């Protein structure tokens, strides 16, 4: 069993930090359009928006896929890396969602090269952030649950930062929101670890619609 040593924990903090130069801060994942539509007007609505994504999209799609990519990375199974990478892209319901995944994935590939983290000779085409995150976690020997926590925290921190600018929220409200969402994370991780291959998937029509609307939004701060 892989355990999380102090050095591995520090690598996890590095990998999940908002300071990681992969451009996560540039993507609101549809939130900007949702704010313009009047769906997110305060802290409570923002919490409902993020909580639903955490419990459904993250727990039923991203985190189960991350577990599979982590296993494939540990065993250097490039076929599985390519398969689940393509599966991840197929789960993204708008061009902007795909852009966010692939742009951050490419940025992390470049960063890992600078950090001298070895990558497979044949990486999946249009590699997504989730795949490259798994490759880094496998290289630094992070255990599975710690990897899920780090990935979830990176997503959550970026989303709350976006809400702080867009809703807008005060700094105190943003910290309360982080605390409320953090309390939901353990259950999301437990759920993700019990998802079978054939049950991976979720449908959040409002999220997909907001992301698609954002593509033609007149004035915007974020790339998605």
C-alpha atoms as a PDB file:
ATOM      1  CA  UNK A   1       0.000   0.000   0.000  1.00  0.00           C
ATOM      2  CA  UNK A   2       1.295   3.464  -0.880  1.00  0.00           C
ATOM      3  CA  UNK A   3       1.327   5.796   2.109  1.00  0.00           C
ATOM      4  CA  UNK A   4       1.585   9.555   2.210  1.00  0.00           C
ATOM      5  CA  UNK A   5       4.971  10.564   3.584  1.00  0.00           C
ATOM      6  CA  UNK A   6       5.820  14.110   4.582  1.00  0.00           C
ATOM      7  CA  UNK A   7       7.594  14.702   1.273  1.00  0.00           C
ATOM      8  CA  UNK A   8       4.664  13.237  -0.673  1.00  0.00           C
ATOM      9  CA  UNK A   9       2.237  15.438   1.266  1.00  0.00           C
ATOM     10  CA  UNK A  10       4.262  18.495   0.347  1.00  0.00           C
ATOM     11  CA  UNK A  11       4.142  17.430  -3.296  1.00  0.00           C
ATOM     12  CA  UNK A  12       0.366  17.027  -2.993  1.00  0.00           C
ATOM     13  CA  UNK A  13       0.098  20.561  -1.621  1.00  0.00           C
ATOM     14  CA  UNK A  14       2.196  21.788  -4.538  1.00  0.00           C
ATOM     15  CA  UNK A  15       0.069  19.913  -7.066  1.00  0.00           C
ATOM     16  CA  UNK A  16      -3.249  21.150  -5.651  1.00  0.00           C
ATOM     17  CA  UNK A  17      -2.144  24.722  -4.953  1.00  0.00           C
ATOM     18  CA  UNK A  18      -3.899  27.646  -6.637  1.00  0.00           C
ATOM     19  CA  UNK A  19      -0.374  28.888  -7.412  1.00  0.00           C
ATOM     20  CA  UNK A  20       0.247  25.926  -9.735  1.00  0.00           C
ATOM     21  CA  UNK A  21       0.783  27.614 -13.126  1.00  0.00           C
ATOM     22  CA  UNK A  22      -1.788  25.679 -15.155  1.00  0.00           C
ATOM     23  CA  UNK A  23      -4.340  28.459 -15.605  1.00  0.00           C
ATOM     24  CA  UNK A  24      -7.105  27.066 -13.398  1.00  0.00           C
ATOM     25  CA  UNK A  25      -7.920  30.599 -12.260  1.00  0.00           C
ATOM     26  CA  UNK A  26      -9.004  31.461 -15.832  1.00  0.00           C
ATOM     27  CA  UNK A  27     -11.935  29.021 -15.919  1.00  0.00           C
ATOM     28  CA  UNK A  28     -15.228  29.587 -14.090  1.00  0.00           C
ATOM     29  CA  UNK A  29     -16.758  26.418 -15.609  1.00  0.00           C
ATOM     30  CA  UNK A  30     -20.014  28.105 -16.526  1.00  0.00           C
ATOM     31  CA  UNK A  31     -20.340  30.103 -13.316  1.00  0.00           C
ATOM     32  CA  UNK A  32     -19.940  33.447 -15.055  1.00  0.00           C
ATOM     33  CA  UNK A  33     -22.954  32.782 -17.289  1.00  0.00           C
ATOM     34  CA  UNK A  34     -24.920  31.429 -14.317  1.00  0.00           C
ATOM     35  CA  UNK A  35     -24.318  34.704 -12.454  1.00  0.00           C
ATOM     36  CA  UNK A  36     -25.456  36.734 -15.467  1.00  0.00           C
ATOM     37  CA  UNK A  37     -28.590  34.584 -15.717  1.00  0.00           C
ATOM     38  CA  UNK A  38     -29.398  35.451 -12.094  1.00  0.00           C
ATOM     39  CA  UNK A  39     -28.994  31.901 -10.795  1.00  0.00           C
ATOM     40  CA  UNK A  40     -26.188  32.799  -8.393  1.00  0.00           C
ATOM     41  CA  UNK A  41     -26.887  35.981  -6.466  1.00  0.00           C
ATOM     42  CA  UNK A  42     -25.580  35.215  -3.005  1.00  0.00           C
ATOM     43  CA  UNK A  43     -23.559  32.871  -0.813  1.00  0.00           C
ATOM     44  CA  UNK A  44     -26.397  30.375  -0.352  1.00  0.00           C
ATOM     45  CA  UNK A  45     -27.026  29.985  -4.082  1.00  0.00           C
ATOM     46  CA  UNK A  46     -23.290  29.613  -4.701  1.00  0.00           C
ATOM     47  CA  UNK A  47     -23.163  26.852  -2.094  1.00  0.00           C
ATOM     48  CA  UNK A  48     -26.032  24.989  -3.748  1.00  0.00           C
ATOM     49  CA  UNK A  49     -24.359  25.325  -7.168  1.00  0.00           C
ATOM     50  CA  UNK A  50     -21.017  23.989  -5.961  1.00  0.00           C
ATOM     51  CA  UNK A  51     -22.498  21.373  -3.640  1.00  0.00           C
ATOM     52  CA  UNK A  52     -24.504  19.803  -6.452  1.00  0.00           C
ATOM     53  CA  UNK A  53     -21.428  19.681  -8.693  1.00  0.00           C
ATOM     54  CA  UNK A  54     -19.361  18.142  -5.897  1.00  0.00           C
ATOM     55  CA  UNK A  55     -21.924  15.461  -5.094  1.00  0.00           C
ATOM     56  CA  UNK A  56     -22.847  14.622  -8.682  1.00  0.00           C
ATOM     57  CA  UNK A  57     -20.170  15.676 -11.214  1.00  0.00           C
ATOM     58  CA  UNK A  58     -17.075  15.266  -9.050  1.00  0.00           C
ATOM     59  CA  UNK A  59     -18.180  12.184  -7.104  1.00  0.00           C
ATOM     60  CA  UNK A  60     -19.687  10.402 -10.118  1.00  0.00           C
ATOM     61  CA  UNK A  61     -17.331  11.474 -12.927  1.00  0.00           C
ATOM     62  CA  UNK A  62     -14.027  13.182 -12.140  1.00  0.00           C
ATOM     63  CA  UNK A  63     -13.022  11.301  -9.014  1.00  0.00           C
ATOM     64  CA  UNK A  64     -13.842   7.778 -10.266  1.00  0.00           C
ATOM     65  CA  UNK A  65     -11.959   8.606 -13.466  1.00  0.00           C
ATOM     66  CA  UNK A  66      -9.016   9.938 -11.472  1.00  0.00           C
ATOM     67  CA  UNK A  67      -8.823   6.653  -9.556  1.00  0.00           C
ATOM     68  CA  UNK A  68      -8.659   4.729 -12.833  1.00  0.00           C
ATOM     69  CA  UNK A  69      -6.052   7.046 -14.313  1.00  0.00           C
ATOM     70  CA  UNK A  70      -3.988   6.801 -11.147  1.00  0.00           C
ATOM     71  CA  UNK A  71      -3.974   3.014 -11.386  1.00  0.00           C
ATOM     72  CA  UNK A  72      -3.066   3.186 -15.086  1.00  0.00           C
ATOM     73  CA  UNK A  73      -0.235   5.632 -14.319  1.00  0.00           C
ATOM     74  CA  UNK A  74       1.139   3.419 -11.547  1.00  0.00           C
ATOM     75  CA  UNK A  75       1.269   0.419 -13.885  1.00  0.00           C
ATOM     76  CA  UNK A  76       2.403   2.443 -16.936  1.00  0.00           C
ATOM     77  CA  UNK A  77      -0.653   1.190 -18.834  1.00  0.00           C
ATOM     78  CA  UNK A  78      -0.740   3.671 -21.714  1.00  0.00           C
ATOM     79  CA  UNK A  79      -3.755   1.984 -23.349  1.00  0.00           C
ATOM     80  CA  UNK A  80      -5.817   2.567 -20.222  1.00  0.00           C
ATOM     81  CA  UNK A  81      -4.513   6.124 -19.902  1.00  0.00           C
ATOM     82  CA  UNK A  82      -5.682   6.832 -23.452  1.00  0.00           C
ATOM     83  CA  UNK A  83      -9.025   5.105 -22.913  1.00  0.00           C
ATOM     84  CA  UNK A  84      -9.959   6.958 -19.731  1.00  0.00           C
ATOM     85  CA  UNK A  85      -8.592  10.229 -21.084  1.00  0.00           C
ATOM     86  CA  UNK A  86     -10.977   9.915 -24.053  1.00  0.00           C
ATOM     87  CA  UNK A  87     -13.769   8.911 -21.675  1.00  0.00           C
ATOM     88  CA  UNK A  88     -13.168  12.076 -19.644  1.00  0.00           C
ATOM     89  CA  UNK A  89     -13.426  14.259 -22.746  1.00  0.00           C
ATOM     90  CA  UNK A  90     -16.640  12.497 -23.745  1.00  0.00           C
ATOM     91  CA  UNK A  91     -18.145  13.515 -20.400  1.00  0.00           C
ATOM     92  CA  UNK A  92     -17.564  17.232 -21.073  1.00  0.00           C
ATOM     93  CA  UNK A  93     -20.762  18.708 -22.456  1.00  0.00           C
ATOM     94  CA  UNK A  94     -19.524  21.917 -24.069  1.00  0.00           C
ATOM     95  CA  UNK A  95     -16.577  23.150 -26.114  1.00  0.00           C
ATOM     96  CA  UNK A  96     -15.534  25.364 -23.207  1.00  0.00           C
ATOM     97  CA  UNK A  97     -15.470  22.468 -20.763  1.00  0.00           C
ATOM     98  CA  UNK A  98     -13.231  20.548 -23.152  1.00  0.00           C
ATOM     99  CA  UNK A  99     -11.031  23.623 -23.580  1.00  0.00           C
ATOM    100  CA  UNK A 100     -10.600  24.014 -19.834  1.00  0.00           C
ATOM    101  CA  UNK A 101      -9.580  20.370 -19.475  1.00  0.00           C
ATOM    102  CA  UNK A 102      -7.141  20.261 -22.365  1.00  0.00           C
ATOM    103  CA  UNK A 103      -5.586  23.706 -21.783  1.00  0.00           C
ATOM    104  CA  UNK A 104      -4.843  22.881 -18.149  1.00  0.00           C
ATOM    105  CA  UNK A 105      -3.665  19.405 -19.133  1.00  0.00           C
ATOM    106  CA  UNK A 106      -1.170  20.784 -21.641  1.00  0.00           C
ATOM    107  CA  UNK A 107       0.052  23.356 -19.121  1.00  0.00           C
ATOM    108  CA  UNK A 108       0.640  20.648 -16.518  1.00  0.00           C
ATOM    109  CA  UNK A 109       2.496  18.486 -19.056  1.00  0.00           C
ATOM    110  CA  UNK A 110       4.869  21.403 -19.709  1.00  0.00           C
ATOM    111  CA  UNK A 111       5.313  22.043 -16.005  1.00  0.00           C
ATOM    112  CA  UNK A 112       6.042  18.395 -15.216  1.00  0.00           C
ATOM    113  CA  UNK A 113       8.704  18.443 -17.921  1.00  0.00           C
ATOM    114  CA  UNK A 114      10.332  21.420 -16.200  1.00  0.00           C
ATOM    115  CA  UNK A 115      10.173  19.542 -12.890  1.00  0.00           C
ATOM    116  CA  UNK A 116      11.829  16.516 -14.555  1.00  0.00           C
ATOM    117  CA  UNK A 117       8.864  14.256 -13.915  1.00  0.00           C
ATOM    118  CA  UNK A 118       9.069  11.410 -16.476  1.00  0.00           C
ATOM    119  CA  UNK A 119       5.981  10.931 -18.619  1.00  0.00           C
ATOM    120  CA  UNK A 120       5.044   8.026 -20.936  1.00  0.00           C
ATOM    121  CA  UNK A 121       6.552   8.243 -24.402  1.00  0.00           C
ATOM    122  CA  UNK A 122       3.046   8.062 -25.875  1.00  0.00           C
ATOM    123  CA  UNK A 123       0.630  10.338 -24.073  1.00  0.00           C
ATOM    124  CA  UNK A 124      -3.066  10.487 -24.976  1.00  0.00           C
ATOM    125  CA  UNK A 125      -4.019  13.018 -27.624  1.00  0.00           C
ATOM    126  CA  UNK A 126      -5.784  16.073 -26.123  1.00  0.00           C
ATOM    127  CA  UNK A 127      -4.685  14.973 -22.667  1.00  0.00           C
ATOM    128  CA  UNK A 128      -6.826  16.387 -19.923  1.00  0.00           C
ATOM    129  CA  UNK A 129      -5.812  17.871 -16.588  1.00  0.00           C
ATOM    130  CA  UNK A 130      -7.135  14.827 -14.746  1.00  0.00           C
ATOM    131  CA  UNK A 131      -4.804  12.484 -16.654  1.00  0.00           C
ATOM    132  CA  UNK A 132      -1.683  14.570 -16.083  1.00  0.00           C
ATOM    133  CA  UNK A 133      -2.644  15.091 -12.433  1.00  0.00           C
ATOM    134  CA  UNK A 134      -2.770  11.300 -12.052  1.00  0.00           C
ATOM    135  CA  UNK A 135       0.645  10.920 -13.707  1.00  0.00           C
ATOM    136  CA  UNK A 136       2.182  13.420 -11.291  1.00  0.00           C
ATOM    137  CA  UNK A 137       0.501  11.785  -8.290  1.00  0.00           C
ATOM    138  CA  UNK A 138       1.780   8.343  -9.319  1.00  0.00           C
ATOM    139  CA  UNK A 139       5.320   9.665  -9.786  1.00  0.00           C
ATOM    140  CA  UNK A 140       5.309  11.280  -6.338  1.00  0.00           C
ATOM    141  CA  UNK A 141       3.791   8.114  -4.813  1.00  0.00           C
ATOM    142  CA  UNK A 142       0.680   9.743  -3.404  1.00  0.00           C
ATOM    143  CA  UNK A 143      -1.920   7.380  -2.023  1.00  0.00           C
ATOM    144  CA  UNK A 144      -5.276   7.252  -3.746  1.00  0.00           C
ATOM    145  CA  UNK A 145      -7.407   9.099  -1.213  1.00  0.00           C
ATOM    146  CA  UNK A 146      -4.842  11.871  -0.823  1.00  0.00           C
ATOM    147  CA  UNK A 147      -4.808  12.277  -4.601  1.00  0.00           C
ATOM    148  CA  UNK A 148      -8.598  12.573  -4.675  1.00  0.00           C
ATOM    149  CA  UNK A 149      -8.489  15.137  -1.871  1.00  0.00           C
ATOM    150  CA  UNK A 150      -5.874  17.232  -3.638  1.00  0.00           C
ATOM    151  CA  UNK A 151      -7.734  17.218  -6.957  1.00  0.00           C
ATOM    152  CA  UNK A 152     -11.029  18.085  -5.289  1.00  0.00           C
ATOM    153  CA  UNK A 153      -9.476  20.904  -3.288  1.00  0.00           C
ATOM    154  CA  UNK A 154      -7.859  22.390  -6.407  1.00  0.00           C
ATOM    155  CA  UNK A 155     -11.261  22.422  -8.138  1.00  0.00           C
ATOM    156  CA  UNK A 156     -13.085  23.788  -5.111  1.00  0.00           C
ATOM    157  CA  UNK A 157     -10.600  26.561  -4.383  1.00  0.00           C
ATOM    158  CA  UNK A 158     -10.701  27.767  -7.996  1.00  0.00           C
ATOM    159  CA  UNK A 159     -14.500  27.736  -8.030  1.00  0.00           C
ATOM    160  CA  UNK A 160     -14.810  29.677  -4.785  1.00  0.00           C
ATOM    161  CA  UNK A 161     -12.248  32.177  -6.067  1.00  0.00           C
ATOM    162  CA  UNK A 162     -14.394  32.622  -9.184  1.00  0.00           C
ATOM    163  CA  UNK A 163     -17.524  33.101  -7.052  1.00  0.00           C
ATOM    164  CA  UNK A 164     -15.693  35.689  -4.957  1.00  0.00           C
ATOM    165  CA  UNK A 165     -15.150  37.793  -8.080  1.00  0.00           C
ATOM    166  CA  UNK A 166     -18.409  37.106  -9.895  1.00  0.00           C
ATOM    167  CA  UNK A 167     -21.290  36.911  -7.406  1.00  0.00           C
ATOM    168  CA  UNK A 168     -19.517  38.750  -5.725  1.00  0.00           C
ATOM    169  CA  UNK A 169     -18.703  37.326  -2.300  1.00  0.00           C
ATOM    170  CA  UNK A 170     -16.740  38.950   0.487  1.00  0.00           C
ATOM    171  CA  UNK A 171     -13.628  37.243   1.794  1.00  0.00           C
ATOM    172  CA  UNK A 172     -15.438  36.063   4.923  1.00  0.00           C
ATOM    173  CA  UNK A 173     -18.271  34.578   2.875  1.00  0.00           C
ATOM    174  CA  UNK A 174     -15.759  32.853   0.614  1.00  0.00           C
ATOM    175  CA  UNK A 175     -14.065  31.225   3.600  1.00  0.00           C
ATOM    176  CA  UNK A 176     -17.411  30.111   5.009  1.00  0.00           C
ATOM    177  CA  UNK A 177     -18.277  28.628   1.646  1.00  0.00           C
ATOM    178  CA  UNK A 178     -14.965  26.765   1.496  1.00  0.00           C
ATOM    179  CA  UNK A 179     -15.647  25.337   4.948  1.00  0.00           C
ATOM    180  CA  UNK A 180     -19.177  24.247   4.038  1.00  0.00           C
ATOM    181  CA  UNK A 181     -18.024  22.558   0.841  1.00  0.00           C
ATOM    182  CA  UNK A 182     -15.022  20.943   2.556  1.00  0.00           C
ATOM    183  CA  UNK A 183     -17.433  19.217   4.941  1.00  0.00           C
ATOM    184  CA  UNK A 184     -19.034  17.494   1.925  1.00  0.00           C
ATOM    185  CA  UNK A 185     -15.769  16.246   0.452  1.00  0.00           C
ATOM    186  CA  UNK A 186     -15.271  13.028   2.508  1.00  0.00           C
ATOM    187  CA  UNK A 187     -18.697  11.704   1.476  1.00  0.00           C
ATOM    188  CA  UNK A 188     -17.980  12.573  -2.164  1.00  0.00           C
ATOM    189  CA  UNK A 189     -14.711  10.640  -1.992  1.00  0.00           C
ATOM    190  CA  UNK A 190     -16.419   7.642  -0.414  1.00  0.00           C
ATOM    191  CA  UNK A 191     -19.045   7.667  -3.143  1.00  0.00           C
ATOM    192  CA  UNK A 192     -16.436   7.936  -5.891  1.00  0.00           C
ATOM    193  CA  UNK A 193     -14.540   4.929  -4.606  1.00  0.00           C
ATOM    194  CA  UNK A 194     -17.665   2.774  -4.930  1.00  0.00           C
ATOM    195  CA  UNK A 195     -18.579   3.733  -8.509  1.00  0.00           C
ATOM    196  CA  UNK A 196     -18.344   0.907 -11.047  1.00  0.00           C
ATOM    197  CA  UNK A 197     -17.072   1.542 -14.576  1.00  0.00           C
ATOM    198  CA  UNK A 198     -20.547   1.296 -16.086  1.00  0.00           C
ATOM    199  CA  UNK A 199     -21.970   3.793 -13.578  1.00  0.00           C
ATOM    200  CA  UNK A 200     -19.527   6.636 -14.294  1.00  0.00           C
ATOM    201  CA  UNK A 201     -21.456   9.628 -15.576  1.00  0.00           C
ATOM    202  CA  UNK A 202     -23.707  12.486 -14.556  1.00  0.00           C
ATOM    203  CA  UNK A 203     -26.169  14.899 -16.110  1.00  0.00           C
ATOM    204  CA  UNK A 204     -26.242  18.519 -14.959  1.00  0.00           C
ATOM    205  CA  UNK A 205     -28.146  20.317 -17.751  1.00  0.00           C
ATOM    206  CA  UNK A 206     -27.969  23.772 -16.147  1.00  0.00           C
ATOM    207  CA  UNK A 207     -24.187  23.539 -15.885  1.00  0.00           C
ATOM    208  CA  UNK A 208     -23.894  22.500 -19.536  1.00  0.00           C
ATOM    209  CA  UNK A 209     -26.238  25.280 -20.622  1.00  0.00           C
ATOM    210  CA  UNK A 210     -24.355  27.912 -18.641  1.00  0.00           C
ATOM    211  CA  UNK A 211     -21.058  26.784 -20.131  1.00  0.00           C
ATOM    212  CA  UNK A 212     -22.484  26.909 -23.662  1.00  0.00           C
ATOM    213  CA  UNK A 213     -24.053  30.344 -23.088  1.00  0.00           C
ATOM    214  CA  UNK A 214     -20.733  31.644 -21.835  1.00  0.00           C
ATOM    215  CA  UNK A 215     -19.212  31.060 -25.270  1.00  0.00           C
ATOM    216  CA  UNK A 216     -21.231  34.029 -26.592  1.00  0.00           C
ATOM    217  CA  UNK A 217     -21.524  36.080 -23.405  1.00  0.00           C
ATOM    218  CA  UNK A 218     -21.022  39.753 -24.274  1.00  0.00           C
ATOM    219  CA  UNK A 219     -18.678  40.703 -21.440  1.00  0.00           C
ATOM    220  CA  UNK A 220     -16.702  38.154 -19.470  1.00  0.00           C
ATOM    221  CA  UNK A 221     -13.750  37.793 -17.112  1.00  0.00           C
ATOM    222  CA  UNK A 222     -13.117  34.072 -17.583  1.00  0.00           C
ATOM    223  CA  UNK A 223     -12.279  31.802 -20.519  1.00  0.00           C
ATOM    224  CA  UNK A 224     -15.130  29.479 -19.581  1.00  0.00           C
END
